[in-house]
Amino acid sequence: MVKKLSNAINKTRQKEVKTEPLLKNEENRTTKQSSQFDAINDANLLTAQAWRVRENFKRLFEQTGYLNLIEVYEKWMKNALQTGVEYVVDVVKTFERHLEGIFNAILYKTTK
């Protein structure tokens, strides 16, 4: 699930890097570029929004009860959709089709 969100970030970054060359992968940035990326993150580019969606998604794995999980997921989904980031929206739609399996995987700490 996190991998799908990471792929959405990468696709968004690849699309946006044409106009924002500082959106290189972290390991390929110089110190100066890293500082500039921090400024871009603060500027709320689509790539930064997609990254925040993924990081917020990770909070779902901290939930222990079904009702808590549903509540946190619904908030996450609403925020993710509000970004309007094309690839993130696609991932949310995929998650919605497989929601029961996703919730079970999170609650029972299974993978796949």
PDB file of N, CA and C in Angstrom:
ATOM      1  N   MET A   1       0.823  -1.182   0.000  1.00  0.00           N
ATOM      2  CA  MET A   1       0.000   0.000   0.000  1.00  0.00           C
ATOM      3  C   MET A   1       0.870   1.248   0.000  1.00  0.00           C
ATOM      4  N   VAL A   2       1.888   1.243   0.851  1.00  0.00           N
ATOM      5  CA  VAL A   2       2.799   2.380   0.899  1.00  0.00           C
ATOM      6  C   VAL A   2       3.572   2.455  -0.419  1.00  0.00           C
ATOM      7  N   LYS A   3       3.873   1.290  -0.999  1.00  0.00           N
ATOM      8  CA  LYS A   3       4.579   1.260  -2.280  1.00  0.00           C
ATOM      9  C   LYS A   3       3.742   1.942  -3.368  1.00  0.00           C
ATOM     10  N   LYS A   4       2.447   1.696  -3.379  1.00  0.00           N
ATOM     11  CA  LYS A   4       1.576   2.345  -4.371  1.00  0.00           C
ATOM     12  C   LYS A   4       1.617   3.862  -4.199  1.00  0.00           C
ATOM     13  N   LEU A   5       1.607   4.322  -2.966  1.00  0.00           N
ATOM     14  CA  LEU A   5       1.694   5.756  -2.718  1.00  0.00           C
ATOM     15  C   LEU A   5       3.067   6.303  -3.107  1.00  0.00           C
ATOM     16  N   SER A   6       4.112   5.517  -2.871  1.00  0.00           N
ATOM     17  CA  SER A   6       5.456   5.936  -3.287  1.00  0.00           C
ATOM     18  C   SER A   6       5.527   6.064  -4.802  1.00  0.00           C
ATOM     19  N   ASN A   7       4.893   5.126  -5.504  1.00  0.00           N
ATOM     20  CA  ASN A   7       4.848   5.212  -6.964  1.00  0.00           C
ATOM     21  C   ASN A   7       4.095   6.456  -7.415  1.00  0.00           C
ATOM     22  N   ALA A   8       3.026   6.807  -6.707  1.00  0.00           N
ATOM     23  CA  ALA A   8       2.270   8.015  -7.046  1.00  0.00           C
ATOM     24  C   ALA A   8       3.138   9.255  -6.853  1.00  0.00           C
ATOM     25  N   ILE A   9       3.937   9.265  -5.792  1.00  0.00           N
ATOM     26  CA  ILE A   9       4.850  10.387  -5.563  1.00  0.00           C
ATOM     27  C   ILE A   9       5.836  10.482  -6.716  1.00  0.00           C
ATOM     28  N   ASN A  10       6.410   9.349  -7.094  1.00  0.00           N
ATOM     29  CA  ASN A  10       7.415   9.347  -8.150  1.00  0.00           C
ATOM     30  C   ASN A  10       6.833   9.819  -9.483  1.00  0.00           C
ATOM     31  N   LYS A  11       5.635   9.352  -9.822  1.00  0.00           N
ATOM     32  CA  LYS A  11       5.002   9.788 -11.069  1.00  0.00           C
ATOM     33  C   LYS A  11       4.718  11.287 -11.047  1.00  0.00           C
ATOM     34  N   THR A  12       4.261  11.772  -9.898  1.00  0.00           N
ATOM     35  CA  THR A  12       3.997  13.200  -9.761  1.00  0.00           C
ATOM     36  C   THR A  12       5.295  13.985  -9.884  1.00  0.00           C
ATOM     37  N   ARG A  13       6.333  13.495  -9.218  1.00  0.00           N
ATOM     38  CA  ARG A  13       7.640  14.156  -9.269  1.00  0.00           C
ATOM     39  C   ARG A  13       8.168  14.188 -10.696  1.00  0.00           C
ATOM     40  N   GLN A  14       8.069  13.064 -11.416  1.00  0.00           N
ATOM     41  CA  GLN A  14       8.570  13.002 -12.785  1.00  0.00           C
ATOM     42  C   GLN A  14       7.843  13.995 -13.692  1.00  0.00           C
ATOM     43  N   LYS A  15       6.571  14.157 -13.460  1.00  0.00           N
ATOM     44  CA  LYS A  15       5.791  15.107 -14.252  1.00  0.00           C
ATOM     45  C   LYS A  15       6.174  16.541 -13.891  1.00  0.00           C
ATOM     46  N   GLU A  16       6.373  16.791 -12.606  1.00  0.00           N
ATOM     47  CA  GLU A  16       6.639  18.138 -12.120  1.00  0.00           C
ATOM     48  C   GLU A  16       8.106  18.546 -12.288  1.00  0.00           C
ATOM     49  N   VAL A  17       9.016  17.570 -12.369  1.00  0.00           N
ATOM     50  CA  VAL A  17      10.447  17.870 -12.442  1.00  0.00           C
ATOM     51  C   VAL A  17      10.792  18.643 -13.712  1.00  0.00           C
ATOM     52  N   LYS A  18       9.947  18.560 -14.717  1.00  0.00           N
ATOM     53  CA  LYS A  18      10.185  19.295 -15.962  1.00  0.00           C
ATOM     54  C   LYS A  18      10.193  20.803 -15.719  1.00  0.00           C
ATOM     55  N   THR A  19       9.424  21.240 -14.746  1.00  0.00           N
ATOM     56  CA  THR A  19       9.386  22.670 -14.432  1.00  0.00           C
ATOM     57  C   THR A  19      10.081  22.989 -13.112  1.00  0.00           C
ATOM     58  N   GLU A  20      10.349  21.972 -12.305  1.00  0.00           N
ATOM     59  CA  GLU A  20      11.000  22.159 -11.005  1.00  0.00           C
ATOM     60  C   GLU A  20      12.151  21.166 -10.875  1.00  0.00           C
ATOM     61  N   PRO A  21      13.335  21.471 -11.436  1.00  0.00           N
ATOM     62  CA  PRO A  21      14.446  20.518 -11.462  1.00  0.00           C
ATOM     63  C   PRO A  21      14.971  20.109 -10.089  1.00  0.00           C
ATOM     64  N   LEU A  22      14.585  20.783  -9.040  1.00  0.00           N
ATOM     65  CA  LEU A  22      15.054  20.423  -7.706  1.00  0.00           C
ATOM     66  C   LEU A  22      14.333  19.205  -7.145  1.00  0.00           C
ATOM     67  N   LEU A  23      13.391  18.663  -7.890  1.00  0.00           N
ATOM     68  CA  LEU A  23      12.625  17.523  -7.394  1.00  0.00           C
ATOM     69  C   LEU A  23      13.309  16.194  -7.695  1.00  0.00           C
ATOM     70  N   LYS A  24      14.605  16.195  -7.718  1.00  0.00           N
ATOM     71  CA  LYS A  24      15.363  14.954  -7.882  1.00  0.00           C
ATOM     72  C   LYS A  24      15.115  14.081  -6.658  1.00  0.00           C
ATOM     73  N   ASN A  25      15.414  12.791  -6.799  1.00  0.00           N
ATOM     74  CA  ASN A  25      15.355  11.922  -5.627  1.00  0.00           C
ATOM     75  C   ASN A  25      16.344  12.427  -4.582  1.00  0.00           C
ATOM     76  N   GLU A  26      15.999  12.227  -3.330  1.00  0.00           N
ATOM     77  CA  GLU A  26      16.789  12.774  -2.222  1.00  0.00           C
ATOM     78  C   GLU A  26      18.264  12.404  -2.315  1.00  0.00           C
ATOM     79  N   GLU A  27      18.556  11.155  -2.660  1.00  0.00           N
ATOM     80  CA  GLU A  27      19.947  10.702  -2.690  1.00  0.00           C
ATOM     81  C   GLU A  27      20.753  11.352  -3.823  1.00  0.00           C
ATOM     82  N   ASN A  28      20.081  11.984  -4.784  1.00  0.00           N
ATOM     83  CA  ASN A  28      20.766  12.618  -5.904  1.00  0.00           C
ATOM     84  C   ASN A  28      20.912  14.132  -5.734  1.00  0.00           C
ATOM     85  N   ARG A  29      20.411  14.676  -4.629  1.00  0.00           N
ATOM     86  CA  ARG A  29      20.465  16.121  -4.416  1.00  0.00           C
ATOM     87  C   ARG A  29      21.744  16.531  -3.697  1.00  0.00           C
ATOM     88  N   THR A  30      22.235  17.696  -4.057  1.00  0.00           N
ATOM     89  CA  THR A  30      23.341  18.292  -3.314  1.00  0.00           C
ATOM     90  C   THR A  30      22.775  18.896  -2.037  1.00  0.00           C
ATOM     91  N   THR A  31      23.647  19.327  -1.153  1.00  0.00           N
ATOM     92  CA  THR A  31      23.197  19.970   0.081  1.00  0.00           C
ATOM     93  C   THR A  31      22.373  21.206  -0.237  1.00  0.00           C
ATOM     94  N   LYS A  32      22.842  21.978  -1.210  1.00  0.00           N
ATOM     95  CA  LYS A  32      22.120  23.190  -1.612  1.00  0.00           C
ATOM     96  C   LYS A  32      20.740  22.831  -2.165  1.00  0.00           C
ATOM     97  N   GLN A  33      20.695  21.788  -3.000  1.00  0.00           N
ATOM     98  CA  GLN A  33      19.411  21.372  -3.569  1.00  0.00           C
ATOM     99  C   GLN A  33      18.478  20.857  -2.482  1.00  0.00           C
ATOM    100  N   SER A  34      19.025  20.190  -1.478  1.00  0.00           N
ATOM    101  CA  SER A  34      18.191  19.717  -0.365  1.00  0.00           C
ATOM    102  C   SER A  34      17.564  20.888   0.375  1.00  0.00           C
ATOM    103  N   SER A  35      18.344  21.923   0.585  1.00  0.00           N
ATOM    104  CA  SER A  35      17.810  23.123   1.241  1.00  0.00           C
ATOM    105  C   SER A  35      16.722  23.757   0.385  1.00  0.00           C
ATOM    106  N   GLN A  36      16.976  23.790  -0.909  1.00  0.00           N
ATOM    107  CA  GLN A  36      15.987  24.359  -1.817  1.00  0.00           C
ATOM    108  C   GLN A  36      14.729  23.487  -1.863  1.00  0.00           C
ATOM    109  N   PHE A  37      14.902  22.156  -1.764  1.00  0.00           N
ATOM    110  CA  PHE A  37      13.745  21.269  -1.744  1.00  0.00           C
ATOM    111  C   PHE A  37      12.884  21.552  -0.523  1.00  0.00           C
ATOM    112  N   ASP A  38      13.530  21.813   0.595  1.00  0.00           N
ATOM    113  CA  ASP A  38      12.764  22.151   1.802  1.00  0.00           C
ATOM    114  C   ASP A  38      11.884  23.368   1.549  1.00  0.00           C
ATOM    115  N   ALA A  39      12.417  24.331   0.817  1.00  0.00           N
ATOM    116  CA  ALA A  39      11.626  25.523   0.479  1.00  0.00           C
ATOM    117  C   ALA A  39      10.478  25.148  -0.457  1.00  0.00           C
ATOM    118  N   ILE A  40      10.754  24.240  -1.390  1.00  0.00           N
ATOM    119  CA  ILE A  40       9.704  23.782  -2.309  1.00  0.00           C
ATOM    120  C   ILE A  40       8.616  23.055  -1.521  1.00  0.00           C
ATOM    121  N   ASN A  41       9.028  22.249  -0.579  1.00  0.00           N
ATOM    122  CA  ASN A  41       8.064  21.527   0.249  1.00  0.00           C
ATOM    123  C   ASN A  41       7.149  22.522   0.951  1.00  0.00           C
ATOM    124  N   ASP A  42       7.743  23.576   1.446  1.00  0.00           N
ATOM    125  CA  ASP A  42       6.952  24.613   2.100  1.00  0.00           C
ATOM    126  C   ASP A  42       6.053  25.344   1.108  1.00  0.00           C
ATOM    127  N   ALA A  43       6.449  25.352  -0.176  1.00  0.00           N
ATOM    128  CA  ALA A  43       5.657  26.018  -1.214  1.00  0.00           C
ATOM    129  C   ALA A  43       4.460  25.174  -1.642  1.00  0.00           C
ATOM    130  N   ASN A  44       4.401  23.932  -1.160  1.00  0.00           N
ATOM    131  CA  ASN A  44       3.237  23.074  -1.366  1.00  0.00           C
ATOM    132  C   ASN A  44       3.073  22.589  -2.804  1.00  0.00           C
ATOM    133  N   LEU A  45       4.168  22.225  -3.468  1.00  0.00           N
ATOM    134  CA  LEU A  45       4.084  21.635  -4.800  1.00  0.00           C
ATOM    135  C   LEU A  45       3.354  20.302  -4.725  1.00  0.00           C
ATOM    136  N   LEU A  46       2.869  19.838  -5.860  1.00  0.00           N
ATOM    137  CA  LEU A  46       2.116  18.585  -5.897  1.00  0.00           C
ATOM    138  C   LEU A  46       2.925  17.417  -5.356  1.00  0.00           C
ATOM    139  N   THR A  47       4.211  17.383  -5.686  1.00  0.00           N
ATOM    140  CA  THR A  47       5.057  16.292  -5.196  1.00  0.00           C
ATOM    141  C   THR A  47       5.111  16.300  -3.672  1.00  0.00           C
ATOM    142  N   ALA A  48       5.229  17.469  -3.090  1.00  0.00           N
ATOM    143  CA  ALA A  48       5.258  17.574  -1.631  1.00  0.00           C
ATOM    144  C   ALA A  48       3.924  17.133  -1.038  1.00  0.00           C
ATOM    145  N   GLN A  49       2.836  17.490  -1.695  1.00  0.00           N
ATOM    146  CA  GLN A  49       1.515  17.070  -1.216  1.00  0.00           C
ATOM    147  C   GLN A  49       1.385  15.549  -1.272  1.00  0.00           C
ATOM    148  N   ALA A  50       1.855  14.949  -2.365  1.00  0.00           N
ATOM    149  CA  ALA A  50       1.789  13.487  -2.507  1.00  0.00           C
ATOM    150  C   ALA A  50       2.642  12.817  -1.431  1.00  0.00           C
ATOM    151  N   TRP A  51       3.798  13.390  -1.147  1.00  0.00           N
ATOM    152  CA  TRP A  51       4.672  12.845  -0.113  1.00  0.00           C
ATOM    153  C   TRP A  51       3.981  12.882   1.249  1.00  0.00           C
ATOM    154  N   ARG A  52       3.328  14.013   1.551  1.00  0.00           N
ATOM    155  CA  ARG A  52       2.629  14.125   2.834  1.00  0.00           C
ATOM    156  C   ARG A  52       1.474  13.122   2.931  1.00  0.00           C
ATOM    157  N   VAL A  53       0.801  12.869   1.822  1.00  0.00           N
ATOM    158  CA  VAL A  53      -0.288  11.881   1.816  1.00  0.00           C
ATOM    159  C   VAL A  53       0.263  10.513   2.215  1.00  0.00           C
ATOM    160  N   ARG A  54       1.409  10.143   1.634  1.00  0.00           N
ATOM    161  CA  ARG A  54       2.004   8.850   1.974  1.00  0.00           C
ATOM    162  C   ARG A  54       2.410   8.801   3.442  1.00  0.00           C
ATOM    163  N   GLU A  55       3.038   9.857   3.916  1.00  0.00           N
ATOM    164  CA  GLU A  55       3.477   9.869   5.309  1.00  0.00           C
ATOM    165  C   GLU A  55       2.279   9.793   6.258  1.00  0.00           C
ATOM    166  N   ASN A  56       1.199  10.486   5.934  1.00  0.00           N
ATOM    167  CA  ASN A  56      -0.004  10.423   6.765  1.00  0.00           C
ATOM    168  C   ASN A  56      -0.645   9.044   6.705  1.00  0.00           C
ATOM    169  N   PHE A  57      -0.548   8.380   5.565  1.00  0.00           N
ATOM    170  CA  PHE A  57      -1.104   7.036   5.431  1.00  0.00           C
ATOM    171  C   PHE A  57      -0.459   6.074   6.428  1.00  0.00           C
ATOM    172  N   LYS A  58       0.802   6.263   6.685  1.00  0.00           N
ATOM    173  CA  LYS A  58       1.532   5.379   7.606  1.00  0.00           C
ATOM    174  C   LYS A  58       0.912   5.387   9.006  1.00  0.00           C
ATOM    175  N   ARG A  59       0.191   6.451   9.346  1.00  0.00           N
ATOM    176  CA  ARG A  59      -0.464   6.518  10.662  1.00  0.00           C
ATOM    177  C   ARG A  59      -1.525   5.436  10.815  1.00  0.00           C
ATOM    178  N   LEU A  60      -2.059   4.951   9.708  1.00  0.00           N
ATOM    179  CA  LEU A  60      -3.072   3.899   9.787  1.00  0.00           C
ATOM    180  C   LEU A  60      -2.510   2.648  10.446  1.00  0.00           C
ATOM    181  N   PHE A  61      -1.225   2.388  10.255  1.00  0.00           N
ATOM    182  CA  PHE A  61      -0.603   1.188  10.806  1.00  0.00           C
ATOM    183  C   PHE A  61      -0.429   1.269  12.315  1.00  0.00           C
ATOM    184  N   GLU A  62      -0.656   2.427  12.893  1.00  0.00           N
ATOM    185  CA  GLU A  62      -0.576   2.606  14.344  1.00  0.00           C
ATOM    186  C   GLU A  62      -1.909   2.302  15.027  1.00  0.00           C
ATOM    187  N   GLN A  63      -2.963   2.126  14.252  1.00  0.00           N
ATOM    188  CA  GLN A  63      -4.296   1.927  14.815  1.00  0.00           C
ATOM    189  C   GLN A  63      -4.467   0.481  15.282  1.00  0.00           C
ATOM    190  N   THR A  64      -5.163   0.321  16.399  1.00  0.00           N
ATOM    191  CA  THR A  64      -5.338  -1.013  16.953  1.00  0.00           C
ATOM    192  C   THR A  64      -6.779  -1.506  16.859  1.00  0.00           C
ATOM    193  N   GLY A  65      -7.714  -0.637  16.754  1.00  0.00           N
ATOM    194  CA  GLY A  65      -9.115  -1.050  16.688  1.00  0.00           C
ATOM    195  C   GLY A  65      -9.736  -0.713  15.349  1.00  0.00           C
ATOM    196  N   TYR A  66     -10.727  -1.496  14.970  1.00  0.00           N
ATOM    197  CA  TYR A  66     -11.385  -1.322  13.680  1.00  0.00           C
ATOM    198  C   TYR A  66     -12.023   0.064  13.554  1.00  0.00           C
ATOM    199  N   LEU A  67     -12.713   0.504  14.599  1.00  0.00           N
ATOM    200  CA  LEU A  67     -13.369   1.811  14.537  1.00  0.00           C
ATOM    201  C   LEU A  67     -12.362   2.951  14.438  1.00  0.00           C
ATOM    202  N   ASN A  68     -11.265   2.840  15.181  1.00  0.00           N
ATOM    203  CA  ASN A  68     -10.211   3.852  15.073  1.00  0.00           C
ATOM    204  C   ASN A  68      -9.629   3.867  13.671  1.00  0.00           C
ATOM    205  N   LEU A  69      -9.410   2.685  13.124  1.00  0.00           N
ATOM    206  CA  LEU A  69      -8.853   2.569  11.780  1.00  0.00           C
ATOM    207  C   LEU A  69      -9.772   3.227  10.754  1.00  0.00           C
ATOM    208  N   ILE A  70     -11.047   2.952  10.857  1.00  0.00           N
ATOM    209  CA  ILE A  70     -12.015   3.545   9.925  1.00  0.00           C
ATOM    210  C   ILE A  70     -11.985   5.065  10.027  1.00  0.00           C
ATOM    211  N   GLU A  71     -11.988   5.565  11.242  1.00  0.00           N
ATOM    212  CA  GLU A  71     -11.993   7.022  11.448  1.00  0.00           C
ATOM    213  C   GLU A  71     -10.740   7.674  10.861  1.00  0.00           C
ATOM    214  N   VAL A  72      -9.582   7.103  11.142  1.00  0.00           N
ATOM    215  CA  VAL A  72      -8.328   7.665  10.640  1.00  0.00           C
ATOM    216  C   VAL A  72      -8.264   7.526   9.120  1.00  0.00           C
ATOM    217  N   TYR A  73      -8.714   6.392   8.592  1.00  0.00           N
ATOM    218  CA  TYR A  73      -8.705   6.195   7.136  1.00  0.00           C
ATOM    219  C   TYR A  73      -9.605   7.217   6.441  1.00  0.00           C
ATOM    220  N   GLU A  74     -10.785   7.423   6.968  1.00  0.00           N
ATOM    221  CA  GLU A  74     -11.711   8.368   6.332  1.00  0.00           C
ATOM    222  C   GLU A  74     -11.133   9.780   6.306  1.00  0.00           C
ATOM    223  N   LYS A  75     -10.483  10.189   7.381  1.00  0.00           N
ATOM    224  CA  LYS A  75      -9.833  11.502   7.402  1.00  0.00           C
ATOM    225  C   LYS A  75      -8.698  11.544   6.382  1.00  0.00           C
ATOM    226  N   TRP A  76      -7.897  10.464   6.369  1.00  0.00           N
ATOM    227  CA  TRP A  76      -6.786  10.399   5.417  1.00  0.00           C
ATOM    228  C   TRP A  76      -7.304  10.465   3.987  1.00  0.00           C
ATOM    229  N   MET A  77      -8.334   9.669   3.681  1.00  0.00           N
ATOM    230  CA  MET A  77      -8.880   9.617   2.327  1.00  0.00           C
ATOM    231  C   MET A  77      -9.390  10.994   1.897  1.00  0.00           C
ATOM    232  N   LYS A  78     -10.112  11.663   2.770  1.00  0.00           N
ATOM    233  CA  LYS A  78     -10.653  12.991   2.456  1.00  0.00           C
ATOM    234  C   LYS A  78      -9.525  13.961   2.134  1.00  0.00           C
ATOM    235  N   ASN A  79      -8.495  13.971   2.974  1.00  0.00           N
ATOM    236  CA  ASN A  79      -7.352  14.856   2.743  1.00  0.00           C
ATOM    237  C   ASN A  79      -6.607  14.486   1.464  1.00  0.00           C
ATOM    238  N   ALA A  80      -6.453  13.193   1.222  1.00  0.00           N
ATOM    239  CA  ALA A  80      -5.750  12.739   0.011  1.00  0.00           C
ATOM    240  C   ALA A  80      -6.491  13.180  -1.239  1.00  0.00           C
ATOM    241  N   LEU A  81      -7.807  13.025  -1.240  1.00  0.00           N
ATOM    242  CA  LEU A  81      -8.598  13.413  -2.406  1.00  0.00           C
ATOM    243  C   LEU A  81      -8.595  14.932  -2.595  1.00  0.00           C
ATOM    244  N   GLN A  82      -8.566  15.667  -1.505  1.00  0.00           N
ATOM    245  CA  GLN A  82      -8.572  17.130  -1.592  1.00  0.00           C
ATOM    246  C   GLN A  82      -7.308  17.689  -2.229  1.00  0.00           C
ATOM    247  N   THR A  83      -6.226  16.920  -2.220  1.00  0.00           N
ATOM    248  CA  THR A  83      -5.003  17.413  -2.863  1.00  0.00           C
ATOM    249  C   THR A  83      -5.218  17.572  -4.363  1.00  0.00           C
ATOM    250  N   GLY A  84      -6.062  16.724  -4.926  1.00  0.00           N
ATOM    251  CA  GLY A  84      -6.286  16.764  -6.363  1.00  0.00           C
ATOM    252  C   GLY A  84      -5.118  16.225  -7.163  1.00  0.00           C
ATOM    253  N   VAL A  85      -4.134  15.636  -6.501  1.00  0.00           N
ATOM    254  CA  VAL A  85      -2.977  15.077  -7.198  1.00  0.00           C
ATOM    255  C   VAL A  85      -3.440  13.813  -7.927  1.00  0.00           C
ATOM    256  N   GLU A  86      -3.343  13.870  -9.250  1.00  0.00           N
ATOM    257  CA  GLU A  86      -3.885  12.821 -10.121  1.00  0.00           C
ATOM    258  C   GLU A  86      -3.514  11.403  -9.676  1.00  0.00           C
ATOM    259  N   TYR A  87      -2.247  11.153  -9.449  1.00  0.00           N
ATOM    260  CA  TYR A  87      -1.802   9.796  -9.136  1.00  0.00           C
ATOM    261  C   TYR A  87      -2.224   9.369  -7.731  1.00  0.00           C
ATOM    262  N   VAL A  88      -2.298  10.298  -6.827  1.00  0.00           N
ATOM    263  CA  VAL A  88      -2.776  10.000  -5.475  1.00  0.00           C
ATOM    264  C   VAL A  88      -4.258   9.623  -5.529  1.00  0.00           C
ATOM    265  N   VAL A  89      -5.031  10.373  -6.284  1.00  0.00           N
ATOM    266  CA  VAL A  89      -6.458  10.073  -6.435  1.00  0.00           C
ATOM    267  C   VAL A  89      -6.638   8.671  -7.008  1.00  0.00           C
ATOM    268  N   ASP A  90      -5.807   8.294  -7.978  1.00  0.00           N
ATOM    269  CA  ASP A  90      -5.875   6.944  -8.552  1.00  0.00           C
ATOM    270  C   ASP A  90      -5.612   5.875  -7.497  1.00  0.00           C
ATOM    271  N   VAL A  91      -4.629   6.123  -6.634  1.00  0.00           N
ATOM    272  CA  VAL A  91      -4.312   5.158  -5.569  1.00  0.00           C
ATOM    273  C   VAL A  91      -5.468   5.054  -4.586  1.00  0.00           C
ATOM    274  N   VAL A  92      -6.065   6.178  -4.221  1.00  0.00           N
ATOM    275  CA  VAL A  92      -7.205   6.161  -3.295  1.00  0.00           C
ATOM    276  C   VAL A  92      -8.345   5.334  -3.892  1.00  0.00           C
ATOM    277  N   LYS A  93      -8.603   5.501  -5.171  1.00  0.00           N
ATOM    278  CA  LYS A  93      -9.657   4.725  -5.828  1.00  0.00           C
ATOM    279  C   LYS A  93      -9.343   3.226  -5.762  1.00  0.00           C
ATOM    280  N   THR A  94      -8.100   2.877  -5.955  1.00  0.00           N
ATOM    281  CA  THR A  94      -7.691   1.468  -5.838  1.00  0.00           C
ATOM    282  C   THR A  94      -7.910   0.973  -4.420  1.00  0.00           C
ATOM    283  N   PHE A  95      -7.497   1.761  -3.441  1.00  0.00           N
ATOM    284  CA  PHE A  95      -7.688   1.383  -2.041  1.00  0.00           C
ATOM    285  C   PHE A  95      -9.167   1.185  -1.726  1.00  0.00           C
ATOM    286  N   GLU A  96     -10.003   2.049  -2.247  1.00  0.00           N
ATOM    287  CA  GLU A  96     -11.440   1.955  -1.985  1.00  0.00           C
ATOM    288  C   GLU A  96     -12.009   0.619  -2.487  1.00  0.00           C
ATOM    289  N   ARG A  97     -11.492   0.130  -3.597  1.00  0.00           N
ATOM    290  CA  ARG A  97     -11.977  -1.147  -4.148  1.00  0.00           C
ATOM    291  C   ARG A  97     -11.516  -2.343  -3.309  1.00  0.00           C
ATOM    292  N   HIS A  98     -10.490  -2.151  -2.510  1.00  0.00           N
ATOM    293  CA  HIS A  98      -9.907  -3.261  -1.742  1.00  0.00           C
ATOM    294  C   HIS A  98      -9.883  -2.959  -0.244  1.00  0.00           C
ATOM    295  N   LEU A  99     -10.811  -2.148   0.203  1.00  0.00           N
ATOM    296  CA  LEU A  99     -10.763  -1.615   1.558  1.00  0.00           C
ATOM    297  C   LEU A  99     -10.806  -2.688   2.645  1.00  0.00           C
ATOM    298  N   GLU A 100     -11.652  -3.678   2.493  1.00  0.00           N
ATOM    299  CA  GLU A 100     -11.736  -4.713   3.521  1.00  0.00           C
ATOM    300  C   GLU A 100     -10.394  -5.431   3.684  1.00  0.00           C
ATOM    301  N   GLY A 101      -9.775  -5.775   2.582  1.00  0.00           N
ATOM    302  CA  GLY A 101      -8.468  -6.441   2.640  1.00  0.00           C
ATOM    303  C   GLY A 101      -7.397  -5.541   3.235  1.00  0.00           C
ATOM    304  N   ILE A 102      -7.451  -4.269   2.910  1.00  0.00           N
ATOM    305  CA  ILE A 102      -6.476  -3.314   3.451  1.00  0.00           C
ATOM    306  C   ILE A 102      -6.641  -3.201   4.961  1.00  0.00           C
ATOM    307  N   PHE A 103      -7.880  -3.055   5.418  1.00  0.00           N
ATOM    308  CA  PHE A 103      -8.116  -2.955   6.860  1.00  0.00           C
ATOM    309  C   PHE A 103      -7.650  -4.222   7.578  1.00  0.00           C
ATOM    310  N   ASN A 104      -7.960  -5.380   7.015  1.00  0.00           N
ATOM    311  CA  ASN A 104      -7.514  -6.633   7.634  1.00  0.00           C
ATOM    312  C   ASN A 104      -5.991  -6.712   7.681  1.00  0.00           C
ATOM    313  N   ALA A 105      -5.334  -6.310   6.598  1.00  0.00           N
ATOM    314  CA  ALA A 105      -3.863  -6.342   6.562  1.00  0.00           C
ATOM    315  C   ALA A 105      -3.275  -5.433   7.626  1.00  0.00           C
ATOM    316  N   ILE A 106      -3.868  -4.268   7.807  1.00  0.00           N
ATOM    317  CA  ILE A 106      -3.365  -3.335   8.806  1.00  0.00           C
ATOM    318  C   ILE A 106      -3.634  -3.847  10.210  1.00  0.00           C
ATOM    319  N   LEU A 107      -4.852  -4.291  10.471  1.00  0.00           N
ATOM    320  CA  LEU A 107      -5.200  -4.739  11.823  1.00  0.00           C
ATOM    321  C   LEU A 107      -4.471  -6.016  12.230  1.00  0.00           C
ATOM    322  N   TYR A 108      -4.279  -6.918  11.285  1.00  0.00           N
ATOM    323  CA  TYR A 108      -3.678  -8.213  11.615  1.00  0.00           C
ATOM    324  C   TYR A 108      -2.217  -8.286  11.217  1.00  0.00           C
ATOM    325  N   LYS A 109      -1.666  -7.120  10.824  1.00  0.00           N
ATOM    326  CA  LYS A 109      -0.235  -6.992  10.525  1.00  0.00           C
ATOM    327  C   LYS A 109       0.225  -8.017   9.489  1.00  0.00           C
ATOM    328  N   THR A 110      -0.569  -8.183   8.430  1.00  0.00           N
ATOM    329  CA  THR A 110      -0.182  -9.078   7.358  1.00  0.00           C
ATOM    330  C   THR A 110       0.359  -8.264   6.195  1.00  0.00           C
ATOM    331  N   THR A 111       1.043  -8.933   5.289  1.00  0.00           N
ATOM    332  CA  THR A 111       1.591  -8.263   4.124  1.00  0.00           C
ATOM    333  C   THR A 111       1.019  -8.887   2.869  1.00  0.00           C
ATOM    334  N   LYS A 112       1.246  -8.246   1.735  1.00  0.00           N
ATOM    335  CA  LYS A 112       0.833  -8.637   0.390  1.00  0.00           C
ATOM    336  C   LYS A 112      -0.255  -7.807  -0.133  1.00  0.00           C
TER     337      LYS A 112
END
